[in-house]
């Protein structure tokens, strides 16, 4: 039995090997994660705006697009929407249609 002052170097070495293996494995997995960002998401991120901010801008311009619809468009889940919707989004973000439509 070891006393409290004795160090089990084999145990320490194993823990270090396990930690290095875990970190390398995690790093390799993280390197493979890719996130697709829509053009609208990129604009919002660059300007520090939220989807709620976008909703409020659209509303203040006298138009309306539901929050759920904005969410689906921004996240790329809704890609087939009316050109009028795209124009409203473009006006709200002060960009041309080609800058928001993927």
PDB file of N, CA and C in Angstrom:
ATOM      1  N   UNK A   1       0.834  -1.177   0.000  1.00  0.00           N
ATOM      2  CA  UNK A   1       0.000   0.000   0.000  1.00  0.00           C
ATOM      3  C   UNK A   1       0.883   1.245   0.000  1.00  0.00           C
ATOM      4  N   UNK A   2       0.472   2.242  -0.793  1.00  0.00           N
ATOM      5  CA  UNK A   2       1.242   3.467  -0.900  1.00  0.00           C
ATOM      6  C   UNK A   2       0.815   4.454   0.179  1.00  0.00           C
ATOM      7  N   UNK A   3       1.799   5.207   0.638  1.00  0.00           N
ATOM      8  CA  UNK A   3       1.455   6.276   1.579  1.00  0.00           C
ATOM      9  C   UNK A   3       0.992   7.483   0.776  1.00  0.00           C
ATOM     10  N   UNK A   4       0.446   8.448   1.455  1.00  0.00           N
ATOM     11  CA  UNK A   4      -0.063   9.640   0.789  1.00  0.00           C
ATOM     12  C   UNK A   4       1.046  10.413   0.096  1.00  0.00           C
ATOM     13  N   UNK A   5       2.277  10.300   0.575  1.00  0.00           N
ATOM     14  CA  UNK A   5       3.391  11.052   0.000  1.00  0.00           C
ATOM     15  C   UNK A   5       4.010  10.364  -1.201  1.00  0.00           C
ATOM     16  N   UNK A   6       3.766   9.085  -1.389  1.00  0.00           N
ATOM     17  CA  UNK A   6       4.313   8.368  -2.543  1.00  0.00           C
ATOM     18  C   UNK A   6       3.468   8.674  -3.774  1.00  0.00           C
ATOM     19  N   UNK A   7       4.117   8.841  -4.882  1.00  0.00           N
ATOM     20  CA  UNK A   7       3.416   9.128  -6.131  1.00  0.00           C
ATOM     21  C   UNK A   7       3.472   7.889  -6.996  1.00  0.00           C
ATOM     22  N   UNK A   8       2.331   7.498  -7.502  1.00  0.00           N
ATOM     23  CA  UNK A   8       2.260   6.365  -8.407  1.00  0.00           C
ATOM     24  C   UNK A   8       2.469   6.902  -9.824  1.00  0.00           C
ATOM     25  N   UNK A   9       3.731   6.843 -10.293  1.00  0.00           N
ATOM     26  CA  UNK A   9       4.068   7.416 -11.580  1.00  0.00           C
ATOM     27  C   UNK A   9       3.397   6.687 -12.729  1.00  0.00           C
ATOM     28  N   UNK A  10       3.199   5.390 -12.597  1.00  0.00           N
ATOM     29  CA  UNK A  10       2.529   4.639 -13.663  1.00  0.00           C
ATOM     30  C   UNK A  10       1.100   5.131 -13.834  1.00  0.00           C
ATOM     31  N   UNK A  11       0.420   5.350 -12.717  1.00  0.00           N
ATOM     32  CA  UNK A  11      -0.960   5.845 -12.766  1.00  0.00           C
ATOM     33  C   UNK A  11      -1.006   7.244 -13.380  1.00  0.00           C
ATOM     34  N   UNK A  12      -0.089   8.120 -12.974  1.00  0.00           N
ATOM     35  CA  UNK A  12      -0.025   9.479 -13.518  1.00  0.00           C
ATOM     36  C   UNK A  12       0.247   9.450 -15.020  1.00  0.00           C
ATOM     37  N   UNK A  13       1.182   8.609 -15.432  1.00  0.00           N
ATOM     38  CA  UNK A  13       1.532   8.506 -16.846  1.00  0.00           C
ATOM     39  C   UNK A  13       0.330   8.023 -17.661  1.00  0.00           C
ATOM     40  N   UNK A  14      -0.421   7.050 -17.123  1.00  0.00           N
ATOM     41  CA  UNK A  14      -1.614   6.555 -17.818  1.00  0.00           C
ATOM     42  C   UNK A  14      -2.655   7.656 -17.950  1.00  0.00           C
ATOM     43  N   UNK A  15      -2.863   8.421 -16.908  1.00  0.00           N
ATOM     44  CA  UNK A  15      -3.830   9.512 -16.963  1.00  0.00           C
ATOM     45  C   UNK A  15      -3.420  10.554 -18.005  1.00  0.00           C
ATOM     46  N   UNK A  16      -2.124  10.833 -18.073  1.00  0.00           N
ATOM     47  CA  UNK A  16      -1.643  11.796 -19.059  1.00  0.00           C
ATOM     48  C   UNK A  16      -1.830  11.271 -20.479  1.00  0.00           C
ATOM     49  N   UNK A  17      -1.526   9.988 -20.696  1.00  0.00           N
ATOM     50  CA  UNK A  17      -1.729   9.395 -22.024  1.00  0.00           C
ATOM     51  C   UNK A  17      -3.203   9.443 -22.411  1.00  0.00           C
ATOM     52  N   UNK A  18      -4.079   9.111 -21.458  1.00  0.00           N
ATOM     53  CA  UNK A  18      -5.521   9.139 -21.725  1.00  0.00           C
ATOM     54  C   UNK A  18      -5.989  10.554 -22.070  1.00  0.00           C
ATOM     55  N   UNK A  19      -5.481  11.546 -21.345  1.00  0.00           N
ATOM     56  CA  UNK A  19      -5.869  12.932 -21.588  1.00  0.00           C
ATOM     57  C   UNK A  19      -5.396  13.391 -22.962  1.00  0.00           C
ATOM     58  N   UNK A  20      -4.170  13.032 -23.325  1.00  0.00           N
ATOM     59  CA  UNK A  20      -3.642  13.404 -24.640  1.00  0.00           C
ATOM     60  C   UNK A  20      -4.445  12.730 -25.738  1.00  0.00           C
ATOM     61  N   UNK A  21      -4.763  11.447 -25.563  1.00  0.00           N
ATOM     62  CA  UNK A  21      -5.565  10.728 -26.549  1.00  0.00           C
ATOM     63  C   UNK A  21      -6.925  11.385 -26.694  1.00  0.00           C
ATOM     64  N   UNK A  22      -7.557  11.708 -25.565  1.00  0.00           N
ATOM     65  CA  UNK A  22      -8.876  12.334 -25.600  1.00  0.00           C
ATOM     66  C   UNK A  22      -8.816  13.673 -26.320  1.00  0.00           C
ATOM     67  N   UNK A  23      -7.817  14.488 -25.991  1.00  0.00           N
ATOM     68  CA  UNK A  23      -7.697  15.806 -26.621  1.00  0.00           C
ATOM     69  C   UNK A  23      -7.469  15.694 -28.121  1.00  0.00           C
ATOM     70  N   UNK A  24      -6.622  14.762 -28.554  1.00  0.00           N
ATOM     71  CA  UNK A  24      -6.379  14.579 -29.981  1.00  0.00           C
ATOM     72  C   UNK A  24      -7.631  14.092 -30.685  1.00  0.00           C
ATOM     73  N   UNK A  25      -8.326  13.151 -30.066  1.00  0.00           N
ATOM     74  CA  UNK A  25      -9.556  12.614 -30.658  1.00  0.00           C
ATOM     75  C   UNK A  25     -10.605  13.719 -30.765  1.00  0.00           C
ATOM     76  N   UNK A  26     -10.766  14.511 -29.710  1.00  0.00           N
ATOM     77  CA  UNK A  26     -11.730  15.600 -29.712  1.00  0.00           C
ATOM     78  C   UNK A  26     -11.371  16.631 -30.766  1.00  0.00           C
ATOM     79  N   UNK A  27     -10.106  16.961 -30.870  1.00  0.00           N
ATOM     80  CA  UNK A  27      -9.652  17.936 -31.861  1.00  0.00           C
ATOM     81  C   UNK A  27      -9.968  17.441 -33.275  1.00  0.00           C
ATOM     82  N   UNK A  28      -9.750  16.155 -33.543  1.00  0.00           N
ATOM     83  CA  UNK A  28     -10.047  15.612 -34.868  1.00  0.00           C
ATOM     84  C   UNK A  28     -11.535  15.653 -35.164  1.00  0.00           C
ATOM     85  N   UNK A  29     -12.361  15.361 -34.182  1.00  0.00           N
ATOM     86  CA  UNK A  29     -13.816  15.404 -34.375  1.00  0.00           C
ATOM     87  C   UNK A  29     -14.255  16.837 -34.613  1.00  0.00           C
ATOM     88  N   UNK A  30     -13.764  17.772 -33.819  1.00  0.00           N
ATOM     89  CA  UNK A  30     -14.155  19.163 -33.957  1.00  0.00           C
ATOM     90  C   UNK A  30     -13.736  19.720 -35.313  1.00  0.00           C
ATOM     91  N   UNK A  31     -12.626  19.277 -35.842  1.00  0.00           N
ATOM     92  CA  UNK A  31     -12.157  19.761 -37.138  1.00  0.00           C
ATOM     93  C   UNK A  31     -13.110  19.342 -38.251  1.00  0.00           C
ATOM     94  N   UNK A  32     -13.853  18.269 -38.044  1.00  0.00           N
ATOM     95  CA  UNK A  32     -14.747  17.756 -39.072  1.00  0.00           C
ATOM     96  C   UNK A  32     -16.122  18.418 -39.043  1.00  0.00           C
ATOM     97  N   UNK A  33     -16.421  19.164 -37.991  1.00  0.00           N
ATOM     98  CA  UNK A  33     -17.729  19.806 -37.889  1.00  0.00           C
ATOM     99  C   UNK A  33     -17.757  21.019 -38.808  1.00  0.00           C
ATOM    100  N   UNK A  34     -18.728  21.028 -39.683  1.00  0.00           N
ATOM    101  CA  UNK A  34     -18.896  22.163 -40.582  1.00  0.00           C
ATOM    102  C   UNK A  34     -20.291  22.717 -40.378  1.00  0.00           C
ATOM    103  N   UNK A  35     -20.376  24.004 -40.336  1.00  0.00           N
ATOM    104  CA  UNK A  35     -21.667  24.646 -40.164  1.00  0.00           C
ATOM    105  C   UNK A  35     -21.953  25.451 -41.423  1.00  0.00           C
ATOM    106  N   UNK A  36     -23.085  25.173 -42.024  1.00  0.00           N
ATOM    107  CA  UNK A  36     -23.478  25.950 -43.180  1.00  0.00           C
ATOM    108  C   UNK A  36     -24.232  27.174 -42.693  1.00  0.00           C
ATOM    109  N   UNK A  37     -23.817  28.310 -43.188  1.00  0.00           N
ATOM    110  CA  UNK A  37     -24.438  29.568 -42.804  1.00  0.00           C
ATOM    111  C   UNK A  37     -25.058  30.178 -44.044  1.00  0.00           C
ATOM    112  N   UNK A  38     -26.319  30.573 -43.938  1.00  0.00           N
ATOM    113  CA  UNK A  38     -26.977  31.209 -45.071  1.00  0.00           C
ATOM    114  C   UNK A  38     -26.461  32.640 -45.216  1.00  0.00           C
ATOM    115  N   UNK A  39     -26.720  33.219 -46.368  1.00  0.00           N
ATOM    116  CA  UNK A  39     -26.295  34.599 -46.605  1.00  0.00           C
ATOM    117  C   UNK A  39     -26.941  35.543 -45.598  1.00  0.00           C
ATOM    118  N   UNK A  40     -28.209  35.294 -45.296  1.00  0.00           N
ATOM    119  CA  UNK A  40     -28.904  36.164 -44.335  1.00  0.00           C
ATOM    120  C   UNK A  40     -28.303  35.998 -42.948  1.00  0.00           C
ATOM    121  N   UNK A  41     -28.001  34.764 -42.556  1.00  0.00           N
ATOM    122  CA  UNK A  41     -27.361  34.547 -41.246  1.00  0.00           C
ATOM    123  C   UNK A  41     -26.051  35.315 -41.166  1.00  0.00           C
ATOM    124  N   UNK A  42     -25.265  35.247 -42.221  1.00  0.00           N
ATOM    125  CA  UNK A  42     -23.973  35.928 -42.243  1.00  0.00           C
ATOM    126  C   UNK A  42     -24.152  37.432 -42.059  1.00  0.00           C
ATOM    127  N   UNK A  43     -25.115  38.006 -42.751  1.00  0.00           N
ATOM    128  CA  UNK A  43     -25.379  39.445 -42.619  1.00  0.00           C
ATOM    129  C   UNK A  43     -25.788  39.778 -41.187  1.00  0.00           C
ATOM    130  N   UNK A  44     -26.694  38.967 -40.628  1.00  0.00           N
ATOM    131  CA  UNK A  44     -27.143  39.228 -39.259  1.00  0.00           C
ATOM    132  C   UNK A  44     -25.974  39.153 -38.275  1.00  0.00           C
ATOM    133  N   UNK A  45     -25.137  38.127 -38.431  1.00  0.00           N
ATOM    134  CA  UNK A  45     -23.984  37.955 -37.539  1.00  0.00           C
ATOM    135  C   UNK A  45     -23.029  39.141 -37.676  1.00  0.00           C
ATOM    136  N   UNK A  46     -22.724  39.522 -38.912  1.00  0.00           N
ATOM    137  CA  UNK A  46     -21.804  40.635 -39.155  1.00  0.00           C
ATOM    138  C   UNK A  46     -22.310  41.935 -38.547  1.00  0.00           C
ATOM    139  N   UNK A  47     -23.627  42.112 -38.541  1.00  0.00           N
ATOM    140  CA  UNK A  47     -24.211  43.362 -38.021  1.00  0.00           C
ATOM    141  C   UNK A  47     -24.618  43.268 -36.553  1.00  0.00           C
ATOM    142  N   UNK A  48     -24.449  42.095 -35.977  1.00  0.00           N
ATOM    143  CA  UNK A  48     -24.817  41.921 -34.575  1.00  0.00           C
ATOM    144  C   UNK A  48     -26.317  41.958 -34.351  1.00  0.00           C
ATOM    145  N   UNK A  49     -27.064  41.505 -35.352  1.00  0.00           N
ATOM    146  CA  UNK A  49     -28.522  41.511 -35.267  1.00  0.00           C
ATOM    147  C   UNK A  49     -29.055  40.113 -34.982  1.00  0.00           C
ATOM    148  N   UNK A  50     -30.191  40.058 -34.341  1.00  0.00           N
ATOM    149  CA  UNK A  50     -30.884  38.795 -34.107  1.00  0.00           C
ATOM    150  C   UNK A  50     -32.034  38.672 -35.099  1.00  0.00           C
ATOM    151  N   UNK A  51     -32.635  37.514 -35.132  1.00  0.00           N
ATOM    152  CA  UNK A  51     -33.817  37.328 -35.965  1.00  0.00           C
ATOM    153  C   UNK A  51     -34.956  38.206 -35.475  1.00  0.00           C
ATOM    154  N   UNK A  52     -35.043  38.416 -34.187  1.00  0.00           N
ATOM    155  CA  UNK A  52     -36.068  39.301 -33.633  1.00  0.00           C
ATOM    156  C   UNK A  52     -35.825  40.732 -34.093  1.00  0.00           C
ATOM    157  N   UNK A  53     -34.555  41.137 -34.142  1.00  0.00           N
ATOM    158  CA  UNK A  53     -34.230  42.468 -34.667  1.00  0.00           C
ATOM    159  C   UNK A  53     -34.708  42.589 -36.111  1.00  0.00           C
ATOM    160  N   UNK A  54     -34.441  41.560 -36.898  1.00  0.00           N
ATOM    161  CA  UNK A  54     -34.875  41.564 -38.297  1.00  0.00           C
ATOM    162  C   UNK A  54     -36.390  41.669 -38.378  1.00  0.00           C
ATOM    163  N   UNK A  55     -37.083  40.919 -37.554  1.00  0.00           N
ATOM    164  CA  UNK A  55     -38.558  40.973 -37.501  1.00  0.00           C
ATOM    165  C   UNK A  55     -39.020  42.398 -37.199  1.00  0.00           C
ATOM    166  N   UNK A  56     -38.394  43.039 -36.223  1.00  0.00           N
ATOM    167  CA  UNK A  56     -38.777  44.403 -35.828  1.00  0.00           C
ATOM    168  C   UNK A  56     -38.482  45.410 -36.945  1.00  0.00           C
ATOM    169  N   UNK A  57     -37.376  45.241 -37.657  1.00  0.00           N
ATOM    170  CA  UNK A  57     -37.050  46.135 -38.779  1.00  0.00           C
ATOM    171  C   UNK A  57     -38.096  45.990 -39.865  1.00  0.00           C
ATOM    172  N   UNK A  58     -38.446  44.756 -40.182  1.00  0.00           N
ATOM    173  CA  UNK A  58     -39.462  44.498 -41.205  1.00  0.00           C
ATOM    174  C   UNK A  58     -40.782  45.142 -40.797  1.00  0.00           C
ATOM    175  N   UNK A  59     -41.138  44.961 -39.547  1.00  0.00           N
ATOM    176  CA  UNK A  59     -42.387  45.523 -39.015  1.00  0.00           C
ATOM    177  C   UNK A  59     -42.364  47.055 -39.076  1.00  0.00           C
ATOM    178  N   UNK A  60     -41.225  47.655 -38.732  1.00  0.00           N
ATOM    179  CA  UNK A  60     -41.114  49.124 -38.747  1.00  0.00           C
ATOM    180  C   UNK A  60     -41.156  49.682 -40.173  1.00  0.00           C
ATOM    181  N   UNK A  61     -40.844  48.836 -41.164  1.00  0.00           N
ATOM    182  CA  UNK A  61     -40.934  49.240 -42.567  1.00  0.00           C
ATOM    183  C   UNK A  61     -42.352  49.105 -43.111  1.00  0.00           C
ATOM    184  N   UNK A  62     -43.285  48.650 -42.270  1.00  0.00           N
ATOM    185  CA  UNK A  62     -44.676  48.529 -42.696  1.00  0.00           C
ATOM    186  C   UNK A  62     -45.016  47.196 -43.342  1.00  0.00           C
ATOM    187  N   UNK A  63     -44.125  46.234 -43.240  1.00  0.00           N
ATOM    188  CA  UNK A  63     -44.379  44.902 -43.800  1.00  0.00           C
ATOM    189  C   UNK A  63     -44.488  43.911 -42.661  1.00  0.00           C
ATOM    190  N   UNK A  64     -44.793  42.678 -43.014  1.00  0.00           N
ATOM    191  CA  UNK A  64     -44.837  41.665 -41.977  1.00  0.00           C
ATOM    192  C   UNK A  64     -44.462  40.303 -42.545  1.00  0.00           C
ATOM    193  N   UNK A  65     -43.553  39.673 -41.847  1.00  0.00           N
ATOM    194  CA  UNK A  65     -43.204  38.266 -42.075  1.00  0.00           C
ATOM    195  C   UNK A  65     -43.169  37.659 -40.688  1.00  0.00           C
ATOM    196  N   UNK A  66     -43.844  36.540 -40.517  1.00  0.00           N
ATOM    197  CA  UNK A  66     -43.902  35.908 -39.204  1.00  0.00           C
ATOM    198  C   UNK A  66     -42.528  35.480 -38.698  1.00  0.00           C
ATOM    199  N   UNK A  67     -42.381  35.492 -37.373  1.00  0.00           N
ATOM    200  CA  UNK A  67     -41.099  35.112 -36.769  1.00  0.00           C
ATOM    201  C   UNK A  67     -40.692  33.696 -37.146  1.00  0.00           C
ATOM    202  N   UNK A  68     -41.656  32.787 -37.194  1.00  0.00           N
ATOM    203  CA  UNK A  68     -41.339  31.404 -37.554  1.00  0.00           C
ATOM    204  C   UNK A  68     -40.828  31.321 -38.997  1.00  0.00           C
ATOM    205  N   UNK A  69     -41.461  32.072 -39.865  1.00  0.00           N
ATOM    206  CA  UNK A  69     -41.044  32.079 -41.281  1.00  0.00           C
ATOM    207  C   UNK A  69     -39.639  32.676 -41.414  1.00  0.00           C
ATOM    208  N   UNK A  70     -39.383  33.760 -40.698  1.00  0.00           N
ATOM    209  CA  UNK A  70     -38.049  34.360 -40.716  1.00  0.00           C
ATOM    210  C   UNK A  70     -37.028  33.338 -40.242  1.00  0.00           C
ATOM    211  N   UNK A  71     -37.343  32.641 -39.162  1.00  0.00           N
ATOM    212  CA  UNK A  71     -36.435  31.633 -38.618  1.00  0.00           C
ATOM    213  C   UNK A  71     -36.123  30.562 -39.649  1.00  0.00           C
ATOM    214  N   UNK A  72     -37.137  30.069 -40.335  1.00  0.00           N
ATOM    215  CA  UNK A  72     -36.911  29.008 -41.324  1.00  0.00           C
ATOM    216  C   UNK A  72     -36.117  29.511 -42.523  1.00  0.00           C
ATOM    217  N   UNK A  73     -36.331  30.757 -42.922  1.00  0.00           N
ATOM    218  CA  UNK A  73     -35.563  31.325 -44.035  1.00  0.00           C
ATOM    219  C   UNK A  73     -34.109  31.545 -43.616  1.00  0.00           C
ATOM    220  N   UNK A  74     -33.921  32.171 -42.463  1.00  0.00           N
ATOM    221  CA  UNK A  74     -32.576  32.470 -41.981  1.00  0.00           C
ATOM    222  C   UNK A  74     -31.758  31.196 -41.787  1.00  0.00           C
ATOM    223  N   UNK A  75     -32.386  30.147 -41.269  1.00  0.00           N
ATOM    224  CA  UNK A  75     -31.676  28.897 -41.014  1.00  0.00           C
ATOM    225  C   UNK A  75     -31.594  27.975 -42.219  1.00  0.00           C
ATOM    226  N   UNK A  76     -32.115  28.421 -43.363  1.00  0.00           N
ATOM    227  CA  UNK A  76     -32.003  27.647 -44.592  1.00  0.00           C
ATOM    228  C   UNK A  76     -32.979  26.491 -44.702  1.00  0.00           C
ATOM    229  N   UNK A  77     -33.974  26.456 -43.829  1.00  0.00           N
ATOM    230  CA  UNK A  77     -34.964  25.379 -43.886  1.00  0.00           C
ATOM    231  C   UNK A  77     -36.072  25.682 -44.883  1.00  0.00           C
ATOM    232  N   UNK A  78     -36.231  26.950 -45.207  1.00  0.00           N
ATOM    233  CA  UNK A  78     -37.210  27.381 -46.202  1.00  0.00           C
ATOM    234  C   UNK A  78     -36.447  28.136 -47.273  1.00  0.00           C
ATOM    235  N   UNK A  79     -36.325  27.515 -48.436  1.00  0.00           N
ATOM    236  CA  UNK A  79     -35.547  28.130 -49.511  1.00  0.00           C
ATOM    237  C   UNK A  79     -36.415  28.554 -50.688  1.00  0.00           C
ATOM    238  N   UNK A  80     -37.627  28.065 -50.744  1.00  0.00           N
ATOM    239  CA  UNK A  80     -38.520  28.380 -51.850  1.00  0.00           C
ATOM    240  C   UNK A  80     -39.621  29.306 -51.331  1.00  0.00           C
ATOM    241  N   UNK A  81     -39.327  30.601 -51.351  1.00  0.00           N
ATOM    242  CA  UNK A  81     -40.319  31.569 -50.876  1.00  0.00           C
ATOM    243  C   UNK A  81     -40.523  32.634 -51.946  1.00  0.00           C
ATOM    244  N   UNK A  82     -41.580  33.385 -51.810  1.00  0.00           N
ATOM    245  CA  UNK A  82     -42.011  34.359 -52.810  1.00  0.00           C
ATOM    246  C   UNK A  82     -40.978  35.473 -52.961  1.00  0.00           C
ATOM    247  N   UNK A  83     -40.864  35.986 -54.171  1.00  0.00           N
ATOM    248  CA  UNK A  83     -39.927  37.077 -54.427  1.00  0.00           C
ATOM    249  C   UNK A  83     -40.268  38.316 -53.599  1.00  0.00           C
ATOM    250  N   UNK A  84     -41.538  38.513 -53.314  1.00  0.00           N
ATOM    251  CA  UNK A  84     -41.929  39.653 -52.486  1.00  0.00           C
ATOM    252  C   UNK A  84     -41.326  39.526 -51.079  1.00  0.00           C
ATOM    253  N   UNK A  85     -41.281  38.298 -50.555  1.00  0.00           N
ATOM    254  CA  UNK A  85     -40.667  38.057 -49.248  1.00  0.00           C
ATOM    255  C   UNK A  85     -39.186  38.388 -49.304  1.00  0.00           C
ATOM    256  N   UNK A  86     -38.535  37.992 -50.377  1.00  0.00           N
ATOM    257  CA  UNK A  86     -37.110  38.283 -50.544  1.00  0.00           C
ATOM    258  C   UNK A  86     -36.882  39.789 -50.623  1.00  0.00           C
ATOM    259  N   UNK A  87     -37.771  40.497 -51.317  1.00  0.00           N
ATOM    260  CA  UNK A  87     -37.649  41.951 -51.417  1.00  0.00           C
ATOM    261  C   UNK A  87     -37.807  42.613 -50.050  1.00  0.00           C
ATOM    262  N   UNK A  88     -38.746  42.121 -49.244  1.00  0.00           N
ATOM    263  CA  UNK A  88     -38.949  42.656 -47.894  1.00  0.00           C
ATOM    264  C   UNK A  88     -37.697  42.441 -47.052  1.00  0.00           C
ATOM    265  N   UNK A  89     -37.113  41.247 -47.140  1.00  0.00           N
ATOM    266  CA  UNK A  89     -35.883  40.948 -46.393  1.00  0.00           C
ATOM    267  C   UNK A  89     -34.736  41.830 -46.866  1.00  0.00           C
ATOM    268  N   UNK A  90     -34.612  41.988 -48.178  1.00  0.00           N
ATOM    269  CA  UNK A  90     -33.553  42.824 -48.745  1.00  0.00           C
ATOM    270  C   UNK A  90     -33.682  44.267 -48.306  1.00  0.00           C
ATOM    271  N   UNK A  91     -34.912  44.772 -48.325  1.00  0.00           N
ATOM    272  CA  UNK A  91     -35.148  46.151 -47.891  1.00  0.00           C
ATOM    273  C   UNK A  91     -34.804  46.320 -46.414  1.00  0.00           C
ATOM    274  N   UNK A  92     -35.203  45.354 -45.603  1.00  0.00           N
ATOM    275  CA  UNK A  92     -34.944  45.427 -44.165  1.00  0.00           C
ATOM    276  C   UNK A  92     -33.435  45.422 -43.873  1.00  0.00           C
ATOM    277  N   UNK A  93     -32.685  44.681 -44.667  1.00  0.00           N
ATOM    278  CA  UNK A  93     -31.233  44.568 -44.457  1.00  0.00           C
ATOM    279  C   UNK A  93     -30.450  45.548 -45.325  1.00  0.00           C
ATOM    280  N   UNK A  94     -31.178  46.285 -46.173  1.00  0.00           N
ATOM    281  CA  UNK A  94     -30.560  47.263 -47.066  1.00  0.00           C
ATOM    282  C   UNK A  94     -29.517  46.620 -47.982  1.00  0.00           C
ATOM    283  N   UNK A  95     -29.925  45.501 -48.592  1.00  0.00           N
ATOM    284  CA  UNK A  95     -29.057  44.778 -49.514  1.00  0.00           C
ATOM    285  C   UNK A  95     -29.860  44.354 -50.733  1.00  0.00           C
ATOM    286  N   UNK A  96     -29.169  44.029 -51.806  1.00  0.00           N
ATOM    287  CA  UNK A  96     -29.814  43.528 -52.999  1.00  0.00           C
ATOM    288  C   UNK A  96     -30.222  42.076 -52.843  1.00  0.00           C
ATOM    289  N   UNK A  97     -31.126  41.625 -53.684  1.00  0.00           N
ATOM    290  CA  UNK A  97     -31.630  40.255 -53.603  1.00  0.00           C
ATOM    291  C   UNK A  97     -30.521  39.225 -53.753  1.00  0.00           C
ATOM    292  N   UNK A  98     -29.552  39.485 -54.606  1.00  0.00           N
ATOM    293  CA  UNK A  98     -28.472  38.523 -54.815  1.00  0.00           C
ATOM    294  C   UNK A  98     -27.604  38.371 -53.577  1.00  0.00           C
ATOM    295  N   UNK A  99     -27.677  39.333 -52.650  1.00  0.00           N
ATOM    296  CA  UNK A  99     -26.882  39.257 -51.427  1.00  0.00           C
ATOM    297  C   UNK A  99     -27.556  38.440 -50.320  1.00  0.00           C
ATOM    298  N   UNK A 100     -28.847  38.087 -50.545  1.00  0.00           N
ATOM    299  CA  UNK A 100     -29.532  37.304 -49.508  1.00  0.00           C
ATOM    300  C   UNK A 100     -30.038  35.953 -49.982  1.00  0.00           C
ATOM    301  N   UNK A 101     -30.230  35.813 -51.279  1.00  0.00           N
ATOM    302  CA  UNK A 101     -30.761  34.559 -51.801  1.00  0.00           C
ATOM    303  C   UNK A 101     -29.617  33.606 -52.102  1.00  0.00           C
ATOM    304  N   UNK A 102     -29.692  32.420 -51.525  1.00  0.00           N
ATOM    305  CA  UNK A 102     -28.648  31.397 -51.747  1.00  0.00           C
ATOM    306  C   UNK A 102     -28.885  30.667 -53.048  1.00  0.00           C
TER     307      UNK A 102
END
